[in-house]
């Protein structure tokens, strides 16, 4: 029962993230400051992941890393933000469920204590 609901929730999150990513991409086209900001994020992410991959595969780490062209950087940043949105929502749902379960367990424990007292 839980697995189908989990799959449904994941599908819903992915479906919700697509319009968010499209909106961010549109916003990047109209707002130059926002575009500069997300391009900088994408370039930093590109440098970090390239360095990590070079270290993992024992390649030269001192070689220059070519920056992404602007359109690829915008697309990479929008994808990254879309994934960040999905994981943030999933994390919030997870925290909410843990807290709800904890409160439920506390209520059950309190009921058991009351039953034992009488």
PDB file of N, CA and C in Angstrom:
ATOM      1  N   UNK A   1       0.824  -1.199   0.000  1.00  0.00           N
ATOM      2  CA  UNK A   1       0.000   0.000   0.000  1.00  0.00           C
ATOM      3  C   UNK A   1       0.862   1.254   0.000  1.00  0.00           C
ATOM      4  N   UNK A   2       1.951   1.218   0.760  1.00  0.00           N
ATOM      5  CA  UNK A   2       2.804   2.393   0.862  1.00  0.00           C
ATOM      6  C   UNK A   2       3.564   2.638  -0.433  1.00  0.00           C
ATOM      7  N   UNK A   3       4.048   1.569  -1.065  1.00  0.00           N
ATOM      8  CA  UNK A   3       4.840   1.715  -2.277  1.00  0.00           C
ATOM      9  C   UNK A   3       4.075   2.394  -3.413  1.00  0.00           C
ATOM     10  N   UNK A   4       2.833   2.006  -3.715  1.00  0.00           N
ATOM     11  CA  UNK A   4       2.104   2.726  -4.762  1.00  0.00           C
ATOM     12  C   UNK A   4       1.884   4.200  -4.414  1.00  0.00           C
ATOM     13  N   UNK A   5       1.622   4.488  -3.146  1.00  0.00           N
ATOM     14  CA  UNK A   5       1.448   5.886  -2.749  1.00  0.00           C
ATOM     15  C   UNK A   5       2.750   6.655  -2.885  1.00  0.00           C
ATOM     16  N   UNK A   6       3.861   6.014  -2.567  1.00  0.00           N
ATOM     17  CA  UNK A   6       5.166   6.645  -2.707  1.00  0.00           C
ATOM     18  C   UNK A   6       5.457   6.943  -4.173  1.00  0.00           C
ATOM     19  N   UNK A   7       5.163   5.979  -5.035  1.00  0.00           N
ATOM     20  CA  UNK A   7       5.361   6.189  -6.469  1.00  0.00           C
ATOM     21  C   UNK A   7       4.464   7.307  -6.987  1.00  0.00           C
ATOM     22  N   UNK A   8       3.229   7.332  -6.528  1.00  0.00           N
ATOM     23  CA  UNK A   8       2.300   8.378  -6.937  1.00  0.00           C
ATOM     24  C   UNK A   8       2.788   9.746  -6.469  1.00  0.00           C
ATOM     25  N   UNK A   9       3.274   9.811  -5.241  1.00  0.00           N
ATOM     26  CA  UNK A   9       3.805  11.068  -4.714  1.00  0.00           C
ATOM     27  C   UNK A   9       5.025  11.534  -5.486  1.00  0.00           C
ATOM     28  N   UNK A  10       5.908  10.605  -5.821  1.00  0.00           N
ATOM     29  CA  UNK A  10       7.098  10.944  -6.601  1.00  0.00           C
ATOM     30  C   UNK A  10       6.706  11.457  -7.977  1.00  0.00           C
ATOM     31  N   UNK A  11       5.751  10.804  -8.594  1.00  0.00           N
ATOM     32  CA  UNK A  11       5.276  11.238  -9.903  1.00  0.00           C
ATOM     33  C   UNK A  11       4.655  12.628  -9.818  1.00  0.00           C
ATOM     34  N   UNK A  12       3.885  12.874  -8.774  1.00  0.00           N
ATOM     35  CA  UNK A  12       3.275  14.195  -8.593  1.00  0.00           C
ATOM     36  C   UNK A  12       4.343  15.269  -8.409  1.00  0.00           C
ATOM     37  N   UNK A  13       5.380  14.972  -7.632  1.00  0.00           N
ATOM     38  CA  UNK A  13       6.459  15.942  -7.434  1.00  0.00           C
ATOM     39  C   UNK A  13       7.182  16.243  -8.742  1.00  0.00           C
ATOM     40  N   UNK A  14       7.454  15.204  -9.518  1.00  0.00           N
ATOM     41  CA  UNK A  14       8.119  15.417 -10.801  1.00  0.00           C
ATOM     42  C   UNK A  14       7.236  16.239 -11.730  1.00  0.00           C
ATOM     43  N   UNK A  15       5.950  15.952 -11.707  1.00  0.00           N
ATOM     44  CA  UNK A  15       5.015  16.694 -12.547  1.00  0.00           C
ATOM     45  C   UNK A  15       4.956  18.155 -12.127  1.00  0.00           C
ATOM     46  N   UNK A  16       4.982  18.404 -10.829  1.00  0.00           N
ATOM     47  CA  UNK A  16       4.969  19.779 -10.337  1.00  0.00           C
ATOM     48  C   UNK A  16       6.272  20.505 -10.630  1.00  0.00           C
ATOM     49  N   UNK A  17       7.370  19.792 -10.650  1.00  0.00           N
ATOM     50  CA  UNK A  17       8.660  20.452 -10.849  1.00  0.00           C
ATOM     51  C   UNK A  17       8.846  20.936 -12.286  1.00  0.00           C
ATOM     52  N   UNK A  18       8.203  20.292 -13.241  1.00  0.00           N
ATOM     53  CA  UNK A  18       8.360  20.700 -14.635  1.00  0.00           C
ATOM     54  C   UNK A  18       7.845  22.113 -14.892  1.00  0.00           C
ATOM     55  N   UNK A  19       6.635  22.474 -14.435  1.00  0.00           N
ATOM     56  CA  UNK A  19       6.202  23.857 -14.634  1.00  0.00           C
ATOM     57  C   UNK A  19       7.065  24.861 -13.867  1.00  0.00           C
ATOM     58  N   UNK A  20       7.557  24.453 -12.703  1.00  0.00           N
ATOM     59  CA  UNK A  20       8.435  25.344 -11.939  1.00  0.00           C
ATOM     60  C   UNK A  20       9.711  25.596 -12.734  1.00  0.00           C
ATOM     61  N   UNK A  21      10.284  24.554 -13.306  1.00  0.00           N
ATOM     62  CA  UNK A  21      11.495  24.702 -14.106  1.00  0.00           C
ATOM     63  C   UNK A  21      11.233  25.549 -15.350  1.00  0.00           C
ATOM     64  N   UNK A  22      10.090  25.339 -15.987  1.00  0.00           N
ATOM     65  CA  UNK A  22       9.748  26.132 -17.169  1.00  0.00           C
ATOM     66  C   UNK A  22       9.582  27.604 -16.802  1.00  0.00           C
ATOM     67  N   UNK A  23       8.975  27.851 -15.661  1.00  0.00           N
ATOM     68  CA  UNK A  23       8.792  29.233 -15.194  1.00  0.00           C
ATOM     69  C   UNK A  23      10.144  29.894 -14.907  1.00  0.00           C
ATOM     70  N   UNK A  24      11.051  29.147 -14.289  1.00  0.00           N
ATOM     71  CA  UNK A  24      12.386  29.680 -14.011  1.00  0.00           C
ATOM     72  C   UNK A  24      13.122  30.003 -15.308  1.00  0.00           C
ATOM     73  N   UNK A  25      12.979  29.134 -16.292  1.00  0.00           N
ATOM     74  CA  UNK A  25      13.641  29.358 -17.573  1.00  0.00           C
ATOM     75  C   UNK A  25      13.092  30.605 -18.261  1.00  0.00           C
ATOM     76  N   UNK A  26      11.772  30.773 -18.192  1.00  0.00           N
ATOM     77  CA  UNK A  26      11.151  31.959 -18.764  1.00  0.00           C
ATOM     78  C   UNK A  26      11.631  33.219 -18.046  1.00  0.00           C
ATOM     79  N   UNK A  27      11.705  33.125 -16.727  1.00  0.00           N
ATOM     80  CA  UNK A  27      12.154  34.254 -15.913  1.00  0.00           C
ATOM     81  C   UNK A  27      13.596  34.613 -16.266  1.00  0.00           C
ATOM     82  N   UNK A  28      14.405  33.618 -16.541  1.00  0.00           N
ATOM     83  CA  UNK A  28      15.804  33.863 -16.898  1.00  0.00           C
ATOM     84  C   UNK A  28      15.910  34.615 -18.215  1.00  0.00           C
ATOM     85  N   UNK A  29      14.959  34.382 -19.111  1.00  0.00           N
ATOM     86  CA  UNK A  29      14.983  35.073 -20.396  1.00  0.00           C
ATOM     87  C   UNK A  29      14.638  36.550 -20.250  1.00  0.00           C
ATOM     88  N   UNK A  30      13.809  36.894 -19.270  1.00  0.00           N
ATOM     89  CA  UNK A  30      13.348  38.273 -19.125  1.00  0.00           C
ATOM     90  C   UNK A  30      14.132  39.096 -18.107  1.00  0.00           C
ATOM     91  N   UNK A  31      14.712  38.463 -17.136  1.00  0.00           N
ATOM     92  CA  UNK A  31      15.393  39.198 -16.069  1.00  0.00           C
ATOM     93  C   UNK A  31      16.902  38.957 -16.163  1.00  0.00           C
ATOM     94  N   UNK A  32      17.653  39.958 -16.618  1.00  0.00           N
ATOM     95  CA  UNK A  32      19.097  39.748 -16.798  1.00  0.00           C
ATOM     96  C   UNK A  32      19.844  39.454 -15.496  1.00  0.00           C
ATOM     97  N   UNK A  33      19.438  40.067 -14.398  1.00  0.00           N
ATOM     98  CA  UNK A  33      20.121  39.805 -13.125  1.00  0.00           C
ATOM     99  C   UNK A  33      19.893  38.365 -12.669  1.00  0.00           C
ATOM    100  N   UNK A  34      18.663  37.908 -12.802  1.00  0.00           N
ATOM    101  CA  UNK A  34      18.350  36.523 -12.441  1.00  0.00           C
ATOM    102  C   UNK A  34      19.127  35.570 -13.330  1.00  0.00           C
ATOM    103  N   UNK A  35      19.205  35.897 -14.618  1.00  0.00           N
ATOM    104  CA  UNK A  35      19.952  35.063 -15.567  1.00  0.00           C
ATOM    105  C   UNK A  35      21.423  34.989 -15.158  1.00  0.00           C
ATOM    106  N   UNK A  36      22.012  36.128 -14.822  1.00  0.00           N
ATOM    107  CA  UNK A  36      23.412  36.142 -14.380  1.00  0.00           C
ATOM    108  C   UNK A  36      23.588  35.275 -13.136  1.00  0.00           C
ATOM    109  N   UNK A  37      22.631  35.380 -12.222  1.00  0.00           N
ATOM    110  CA  UNK A  37      22.691  34.620 -10.978  1.00  0.00           C
ATOM    111  C   UNK A  37      22.655  33.121 -11.242  1.00  0.00           C
ATOM    112  N   UNK A  38      21.711  32.666 -12.059  1.00  0.00           N
ATOM    113  CA  UNK A  38      21.604  31.225 -12.287  1.00  0.00           C
ATOM    114  C   UNK A  38      22.735  30.702 -13.168  1.00  0.00           C
ATOM    115  N   UNK A  39      23.255  31.547 -14.067  1.00  0.00           N
ATOM    116  CA  UNK A  39      24.410  31.126 -14.864  1.00  0.00           C
ATOM    117  C   UNK A  39      25.619  30.940 -13.950  1.00  0.00           C
ATOM    118  N   UNK A  40      25.791  31.838 -12.987  1.00  0.00           N
ATOM    119  CA  UNK A  40      26.901  31.702 -12.034  1.00  0.00           C
ATOM    120  C   UNK A  40      26.756  30.419 -11.214  1.00  0.00           C
ATOM    121  N   UNK A  41      25.527  30.112 -10.809  1.00  0.00           N
ATOM    122  CA  UNK A  41      25.285  28.870 -10.062  1.00  0.00           C
ATOM    123  C   UNK A  41      25.632  27.657 -10.926  1.00  0.00           C
ATOM    124  N   UNK A  42      25.196  27.673 -12.172  1.00  0.00           N
ATOM    125  CA  UNK A  42      25.454  26.547 -13.070  1.00  0.00           C
ATOM    126  C   UNK A  42      26.945  26.385 -13.343  1.00  0.00           C
ATOM    127  N   UNK A  43      27.649  27.498 -13.535  1.00  0.00           N
ATOM    128  CA  UNK A  43      29.091  27.414 -13.792  1.00  0.00           C
ATOM    129  C   UNK A  43      29.823  26.855 -12.577  1.00  0.00           C
ATOM    130  N   UNK A  44      29.431  27.306 -11.382  1.00  0.00           N
ATOM    131  CA  UNK A  44      30.054  26.797 -10.154  1.00  0.00           C
ATOM    132  C   UNK A  44      29.776  25.300 -10.004  1.00  0.00           C
ATOM    133  N   UNK A  45      28.547  24.901 -10.252  1.00  0.00           N
ATOM    134  CA  UNK A  45      28.186  23.478 -10.181  1.00  0.00           C
ATOM    135  C   UNK A  45      28.987  22.672 -11.201  1.00  0.00           C
ATOM    136  N   UNK A  46      29.149  23.212 -12.401  1.00  0.00           N
ATOM    137  CA  UNK A  46      29.917  22.541 -13.451  1.00  0.00           C
ATOM    138  C   UNK A  46      31.374  22.360 -13.023  1.00  0.00           C
ATOM    139  N   UNK A  47      31.969  23.409 -12.463  1.00  0.00           N
ATOM    140  CA  UNK A  47      33.364  23.314 -12.013  1.00  0.00           C
ATOM    141  C   UNK A  47      33.517  22.268 -10.906  1.00  0.00           C
ATOM    142  N   UNK A  48      32.605  22.297  -9.942  1.00  0.00           N
ATOM    143  CA  UNK A  48      32.683  21.356  -8.814  1.00  0.00           C
ATOM    144  C   UNK A  48      32.527  19.916  -9.291  1.00  0.00           C
ATOM    145  N   UNK A  49      31.518  19.659 -10.112  1.00  0.00           N
ATOM    146  CA  UNK A  49      31.295  18.279 -10.573  1.00  0.00           C
ATOM    147  C   UNK A  49      32.432  17.804 -11.478  1.00  0.00           C
ATOM    148  N   UNK A  50      32.975  18.699 -12.302  1.00  0.00           N
ATOM    149  CA  UNK A  50      34.091  18.311 -13.167  1.00  0.00           C
ATOM    150  C   UNK A  50      35.319  17.968 -12.334  1.00  0.00           C
ATOM    151  N   UNK A  51      35.607  18.782 -11.322  1.00  0.00           N
ATOM    152  CA  UNK A  51      36.747  18.480 -10.440  1.00  0.00           C
ATOM    153  C   UNK A  51      36.546  17.148  -9.717  1.00  0.00           C
ATOM    154  N   UNK A  52      35.334  16.927  -9.237  1.00  0.00           N
ATOM    155  CA  UNK A  52      35.055  15.666  -8.535  1.00  0.00           C
ATOM    156  C   UNK A  52      35.247  14.476  -9.467  1.00  0.00           C
ATOM    157  N   UNK A  53      34.738  14.581 -10.683  1.00  0.00           N
ATOM    158  CA  UNK A  53      34.881  13.483 -11.637  1.00  0.00           C
ATOM    159  C   UNK A  53      36.342  13.241 -11.979  1.00  0.00           C
ATOM    160  N   UNK A  54      37.112  14.318 -12.129  1.00  0.00           N
ATOM    161  CA  UNK A  54      38.535  14.163 -12.431  1.00  0.00           C
ATOM    162  C   UNK A  54      39.264  13.474 -11.284  1.00  0.00           C
ATOM    163  N   UNK A  55      38.921  13.808 -10.062  1.00  0.00           N
ATOM    164  CA  UNK A  55      39.562  13.159  -8.914  1.00  0.00           C
ATOM    165  C   UNK A  55      39.163  11.689  -8.825  1.00  0.00           C
ATOM    166  N   UNK A  56      37.883  11.416  -9.055  1.00  0.00           N
ATOM    167  CA  UNK A  56      37.400  10.033  -8.974  1.00  0.00           C
ATOM    168  C   UNK A  56      38.092   9.152 -10.013  1.00  0.00           C
ATOM    169  N   UNK A  57      38.244   9.669 -11.233  1.00  0.00           N
ATOM    170  CA  UNK A  57      38.827   8.877 -12.312  1.00  0.00           C
ATOM    171  C   UNK A  57      40.332   9.079 -12.451  1.00  0.00           C
ATOM    172  N   UNK A  58      40.959   9.745 -11.483  1.00  0.00           N
ATOM    173  CA  UNK A  58      42.413   9.969 -11.438  1.00  0.00           C
ATOM    174  C   UNK A  58      42.937  10.697 -12.671  1.00  0.00           C
ATOM    175  N   UNK A  59      42.206  11.677 -13.132  1.00  0.00           N
ATOM    176  CA  UNK A  59      42.656  12.517 -14.235  1.00  0.00           C
ATOM    177  C   UNK A  59      43.340  13.749 -13.653  1.00  0.00           C
ATOM    178  N   UNK A  60      43.980  14.522 -14.504  1.00  0.00           N
ATOM    179  CA  UNK A  60      44.667  15.737 -14.057  1.00  0.00           C
ATOM    180  C   UNK A  60      43.643  16.732 -13.515  1.00  0.00           C
ATOM    181  N   UNK A  61      43.872  17.176 -12.282  1.00  0.00           N
ATOM    182  CA  UNK A  61      42.925  18.111 -11.666  1.00  0.00           C
ATOM    183  C   UNK A  61      43.335  19.558 -11.859  1.00  0.00           C
ATOM    184  N   UNK A  62      44.556  19.795 -12.356  1.00  0.00           N
ATOM    185  CA  UNK A  62      45.004  21.174 -12.530  1.00  0.00           C
ATOM    186  C   UNK A  62      44.706  21.720 -13.926  1.00  0.00           C
ATOM    187  N   UNK A  63      44.126  20.911 -14.791  1.00  0.00           N
ATOM    188  CA  UNK A  63      43.782  21.357 -16.141  1.00  0.00           C
ATOM    189  C   UNK A  63      42.629  22.354 -16.077  1.00  0.00           C
ATOM    190  N   UNK A  64      42.616  23.257 -17.033  1.00  0.00           N
ATOM    191  CA  UNK A  64      41.570  24.285 -17.066  1.00  0.00           C
ATOM    192  C   UNK A  64      40.219  23.653 -17.389  1.00  0.00           C
ATOM    193  N   UNK A  65      39.191  24.158 -16.732  1.00  0.00           N
ATOM    194  CA  UNK A  65      37.826  23.681 -16.969  1.00  0.00           C
ATOM    195  C   UNK A  65      37.122  24.730 -17.818  1.00  0.00           C
ATOM    196  N   UNK A  66      36.715  24.317 -19.009  1.00  0.00           N
ATOM    197  CA  UNK A  66      36.023  25.266 -19.881  1.00  0.00           C
ATOM    198  C   UNK A  66      34.625  25.533 -19.349  1.00  0.00           C
ATOM    199  N   UNK A  67      34.212  26.795 -19.319  1.00  0.00           N
ATOM    200  CA  UNK A  67      32.856  27.089 -18.844  1.00  0.00           C
ATOM    201  C   UNK A  67      31.809  26.638 -19.865  1.00  0.00           C
ATOM    202  N   UNK A  68      30.618  26.396 -19.363  1.00  0.00           N
ATOM    203  CA  UNK A  68      29.492  26.058 -20.230  1.00  0.00           C
ATOM    204  C   UNK A  68      29.082  27.294 -21.020  1.00  0.00           C
ATOM    205  N   UNK A  69      28.529  27.088 -22.226  1.00  0.00           N
ATOM    206  CA  UNK A  69      27.984  28.257 -22.911  1.00  0.00           C
ATOM    207  C   UNK A  69      26.717  28.700 -22.175  1.00  0.00           C
ATOM    208  N   UNK A  70      26.285  29.911 -22.419  1.00  0.00           N
ATOM    209  CA  UNK A  70      25.236  30.514 -21.594  1.00  0.00           C
ATOM    210  C   UNK A  70      23.922  29.739 -21.625  1.00  0.00           C
ATOM    211  N   UNK A  71      23.511  29.258 -22.788  1.00  0.00           N
ATOM    212  CA  UNK A  71      22.244  28.524 -22.869  1.00  0.00           C
ATOM    213  C   UNK A  71      22.312  27.196 -22.115  1.00  0.00           C
ATOM    214  N   UNK A  72      23.430  26.495 -22.249  1.00  0.00           N
ATOM    215  CA  UNK A  72      23.589  25.242 -21.503  1.00  0.00           C
ATOM    216  C   UNK A  72      23.634  25.515 -20.009  1.00  0.00           C
ATOM    217  N   UNK A  73      24.260  26.633 -19.632  1.00  0.00           N
ATOM    218  CA  UNK A  73      24.332  26.992 -18.214  1.00  0.00           C
ATOM    219  C   UNK A  73      22.946  27.300 -17.669  1.00  0.00           C
ATOM    220  N   UNK A  74      22.144  28.020 -18.441  1.00  0.00           N
ATOM    221  CA  UNK A  74      20.776  28.327 -18.003  1.00  0.00           C
ATOM    222  C   UNK A  74      19.980  27.037 -17.851  1.00  0.00           C
ATOM    223  N   UNK A  75      20.089  26.146 -18.827  1.00  0.00           N
ATOM    224  CA  UNK A  75      19.360  24.875 -18.758  1.00  0.00           C
ATOM    225  C   UNK A  75      19.823  24.045 -17.567  1.00  0.00           C
ATOM    226  N   UNK A  76      21.138  24.000 -17.335  1.00  0.00           N
ATOM    227  CA  UNK A  76      21.666  23.237 -16.200  1.00  0.00           C
ATOM    228  C   UNK A  76      21.186  23.824 -14.879  1.00  0.00           C
ATOM    229  N   UNK A  77      21.168  25.147 -14.783  1.00  0.00           N
ATOM    230  CA  UNK A  77      20.716  25.794 -13.545  1.00  0.00           C
ATOM    231  C   UNK A  77      19.236  25.549 -13.312  1.00  0.00           C
ATOM    232  N   UNK A  78      18.449  25.625 -14.359  1.00  0.00           N
ATOM    233  CA  UNK A  78      17.009  25.386 -14.228  1.00  0.00           C
ATOM    234  C   UNK A  78      16.758  23.935 -13.812  1.00  0.00           C
ATOM    235  N   UNK A  79      17.491  23.012 -14.404  1.00  0.00           N
ATOM    236  CA  UNK A  79      17.357  21.603 -14.009  1.00  0.00           C
ATOM    237  C   UNK A  79      17.756  21.412 -12.550  1.00  0.00           C
ATOM    238  N   UNK A  80      18.847  22.043 -12.154  1.00  0.00           N
ATOM    239  CA  UNK A  80      19.310  21.945 -10.772  1.00  0.00           C
ATOM    240  C   UNK A  80      18.277  22.517  -9.811  1.00  0.00           C
ATOM    241  N   UNK A  81      17.708  23.660 -10.157  1.00  0.00           N
ATOM    242  CA  UNK A  81      16.692  24.272  -9.294  1.00  0.00           C
ATOM    243  C   UNK A  81      15.426  23.430  -9.247  1.00  0.00           C
ATOM    244  N   UNK A  82      15.062  22.822 -10.368  1.00  0.00           N
ATOM    245  CA  UNK A  82      13.903  21.931 -10.376  1.00  0.00           C
ATOM    246  C   UNK A  82      14.114  20.731  -9.467  1.00  0.00           C
ATOM    247  N   UNK A  83      15.305  20.147  -9.534  1.00  0.00           N
ATOM    248  CA  UNK A  83      15.619  19.017  -8.657  1.00  0.00           C
ATOM    249  C   UNK A  83      15.666  19.461  -7.200  1.00  0.00           C
ATOM    250  N   UNK A  84      16.226  20.629  -6.963  1.00  0.00           N
ATOM    251  CA  UNK A  84      16.274  21.161  -5.601  1.00  0.00           C
ATOM    252  C   UNK A  84      14.865  21.362  -5.059  1.00  0.00           C
ATOM    253  N   UNK A  85      13.962  21.841  -5.904  1.00  0.00           N
ATOM    254  CA  UNK A  85      12.566  22.019  -5.509  1.00  0.00           C
ATOM    255  C   UNK A  85      11.947  20.673  -5.125  1.00  0.00           C
ATOM    256  N   UNK A  86      12.175  19.666  -5.950  1.00  0.00           N
ATOM    257  CA  UNK A  86      11.611  18.338  -5.683  1.00  0.00           C
ATOM    258  C   UNK A  86      12.144  17.783  -4.370  1.00  0.00           C
ATOM    259  N   UNK A  87      13.457  17.868  -4.170  1.00  0.00           N
ATOM    260  CA  UNK A  87      14.042  17.329  -2.942  1.00  0.00           C
ATOM    261  C   UNK A  87      13.634  18.126  -1.715  1.00  0.00           C
ATOM    262  N   UNK A  88      13.461  19.426  -1.859  1.00  0.00           N
ATOM    263  CA  UNK A  88      13.012  20.243  -0.732  1.00  0.00           C
ATOM    264  C   UNK A  88      11.601  19.854  -0.319  1.00  0.00           C
ATOM    265  N   UNK A  89      10.725  19.708  -1.290  1.00  0.00           N
ATOM    266  CA  UNK A  89       9.352  19.303  -0.983  1.00  0.00           C
ATOM    267  C   UNK A  89       9.338  17.898  -0.387  1.00  0.00           C
ATOM    268  N   UNK A  90      10.114  16.996  -0.965  1.00  0.00           N
ATOM    269  CA  UNK A  90      10.167  15.626  -0.440  1.00  0.00           C
ATOM    270  C   UNK A  90      10.716  15.613   0.985  1.00  0.00           C
ATOM    271  N   UNK A  91      11.730  16.416   1.245  1.00  0.00           N
ATOM    272  CA  UNK A  91      12.285  16.512   2.598  1.00  0.00           C
ATOM    273  C   UNK A  91      11.288  17.080   3.579  1.00  0.00           C
ATOM    274  N   UNK A  92      10.552  18.100   3.150  1.00  0.00           N
ATOM    275  CA  UNK A  92       9.537  18.697   4.021  1.00  0.00           C
ATOM    276  C   UNK A  92       8.436  17.686   4.336  1.00  0.00           C
ATOM    277  N   UNK A  93       8.021  16.927   3.336  1.00  0.00           N
ATOM    278  CA  UNK A  93       6.998  15.895   3.553  1.00  0.00           C
ATOM    279  C   UNK A  93       7.525  14.830   4.510  1.00  0.00           C
ATOM    280  N   UNK A  94       8.768  14.442   4.340  1.00  0.00           N
ATOM    281  CA  UNK A  94       9.374  13.445   5.223  1.00  0.00           C
ATOM    282  C   UNK A  94       9.422  13.947   6.665  1.00  0.00           C
ATOM    283  N   UNK A  95       9.847  15.175   6.860  1.00  0.00           N
ATOM    284  CA  UNK A  95       9.896  15.758   8.208  1.00  0.00           C
ATOM    285  C   UNK A  95       8.496  15.828   8.805  1.00  0.00           C
ATOM    286  N   UNK A  96       7.526  16.247   8.001  1.00  0.00           N
ATOM    287  CA  UNK A  96       6.145  16.322   8.463  1.00  0.00           C
ATOM    288  C   UNK A  96       5.648  14.949   8.906  1.00  0.00           C
ATOM    289  N   UNK A  97       5.926  13.925   8.109  1.00  0.00           N
ATOM    290  CA  UNK A  97       5.472  12.573   8.441  1.00  0.00           C
ATOM    291  C   UNK A  97       6.145  12.044   9.704  1.00  0.00           C
ATOM    292  N   UNK A  98       7.424  12.319   9.873  1.00  0.00           N
ATOM    293  CA  UNK A  98       8.131  11.868  11.074  1.00  0.00           C
ATOM    294  C   UNK A  98       7.549  12.547  12.307  1.00  0.00           C
ATOM    295  N   UNK A  99       7.301  13.851  12.212  1.00  0.00           N
ATOM    296  CA  UNK A  99       6.718  14.571  13.345  1.00  0.00           C
ATOM    297  C   UNK A  99       5.313  14.065  13.651  1.00  0.00           C
ATOM    298  N   UNK A 100       4.530  13.825  12.621  1.00  0.00           N
ATOM    299  CA  UNK A 100       3.172  13.327  12.814  1.00  0.00           C
ATOM    300  C   UNK A 100       3.196  11.950  13.466  1.00  0.00           C
ATOM    301  N   UNK A 101       4.082  11.099  13.001  1.00  0.00           N
ATOM    302  CA  UNK A 101       4.214   9.766  13.578  1.00  0.00           C
ATOM    303  C   UNK A 101       4.676   9.842  15.029  1.00  0.00           C
ATOM    304  N   UNK A 102       5.586  10.748  15.305  1.00  0.00           N
ATOM    305  CA  UNK A 102       6.083  10.916  16.671  1.00  0.00           C
ATOM    306  C   UNK A 102       4.967  11.370  17.603  1.00  0.00           C
ATOM    307  N   UNK A 103       4.161  12.320  17.140  1.00  0.00           N
ATOM    308  CA  UNK A 103       3.027  12.785  17.956  1.00  0.00           C
ATOM    309  C   UNK A 103       2.028  11.657  18.182  1.00  0.00           C
ATOM    310  N   UNK A 104       1.780  10.873  17.156  1.00  0.00           N
ATOM    311  CA  UNK A 104       0.853   9.748  17.269  1.00  0.00           C
ATOM    312  C   UNK A 104       1.372   8.726  18.278  1.00  0.00           C
ATOM    313  N   UNK A 105       2.652   8.426  18.210  1.00  0.00           N
ATOM    314  CA  UNK A 105       3.249   7.485  19.162  1.00  0.00           C
ATOM    315  C   UNK A 105       3.192   8.040  20.579  1.00  0.00           C
ATOM    316  N   UNK A 106       3.402   9.331  20.739  1.00  0.00           N
ATOM    317  CA  UNK A 106       3.340   9.942  22.070  1.00  0.00           C
ATOM    318  C   UNK A 106       1.925   9.838  22.639  1.00  0.00           C
ATOM    319  N   UNK A 107       0.923  10.047  21.788  1.00  0.00           N
ATOM    320  CA  UNK A 107      -0.467   9.921  22.241  1.00  0.00           C
ATOM    321  C   UNK A 107      -0.777   8.482  22.651  1.00  0.00           C
ATOM    322  N   UNK A 108      -0.305   7.516  21.866  1.00  0.00           N
ATOM    323  CA  UNK A 108      -0.525   6.107  22.203  1.00  0.00           C
ATOM    324  C   UNK A 108       0.160   5.760  23.516  1.00  0.00           C
ATOM    325  N   UNK A 109       1.371   6.248  23.705  1.00  0.00           N
ATOM    326  CA  UNK A 109       2.107   5.982  24.943  1.00  0.00           C
ATOM    327  C   UNK A 109       1.393   6.599  26.139  1.00  0.00           C
ATOM    328  N   UNK A 110       0.872   7.793  25.969  1.00  0.00           N
ATOM    329  CA  UNK A 110       0.124   8.459  27.047  1.00  0.00           C
ATOM    330  C   UNK A 110      -1.136   7.664  27.378  1.00  0.00           C
ATOM    331  N   UNK A 111      -1.818   7.154  26.363  1.00  0.00           N
ATOM    332  CA  UNK A 111      -3.013   6.336  26.597  1.00  0.00           C
ATOM    333  C   UNK A 111      -2.648   5.045  27.339  1.00  0.00           C
ATOM    334  N   UNK A 112      -1.531   4.430  27.000  1.00  0.00           N
ATOM    335  CA  UNK A 112      -1.079   3.220  27.699  1.00  0.00           C
ATOM    336  C   UNK A 112      -0.773   3.518  29.160  1.00  0.00           C
ATOM    337  N   UNK A 113      -0.136   4.645  29.416  1.00  0.00           N
ATOM    338  CA  UNK A 113       0.185   5.025  30.794  1.00  0.00           C
ATOM    339  C   UNK A 113      -1.081   5.245  31.611  1.00  0.00           C
ATOM    340  N   UNK A 114      -2.067   5.894  30.994  1.00  0.00           N
ATOM    341  CA  UNK A 114      -3.334   6.124  31.698  1.00  0.00           C
ATOM    342  C   UNK A 114      -4.027   4.797  32.000  1.00  0.00           C
ATOM    343  N   UNK A 115      -3.974   3.867  31.044  1.00  0.00           N
ATOM    344  CA  UNK A 115      -4.582   2.549  31.267  1.00  0.00           C
ATOM    345  C   UNK A 115      -3.880   1.797  32.394  1.00  0.00           C
ATOM    346  N   UNK A 116      -2.569   1.935  32.484  1.00  0.00           N
ATOM    347  CA  UNK A 116      -1.810   1.248  33.525  1.00  0.00           C
ATOM    348  C   UNK A 116      -2.050   1.861  34.903  1.00  0.00           C
ATOM    349  N   UNK A 117      -2.342   3.147  34.948  1.00  0.00           N
ATOM    350  CA  UNK A 117      -2.576   3.820  36.222  1.00  0.00           C
ATOM    351  C   UNK A 117      -3.881   3.355  36.860  1.00  0.00           C
ATOM    352  N   UNK A 118      -4.852   3.019  36.072  1.00  0.00           N
ATOM    353  CA  UNK A 118      -6.159   2.633  36.619  1.00  0.00           C
ATOM    354  C   UNK A 118      -6.237   1.202  36.861  1.00  0.00           C
TER     355      UNK A 118
END
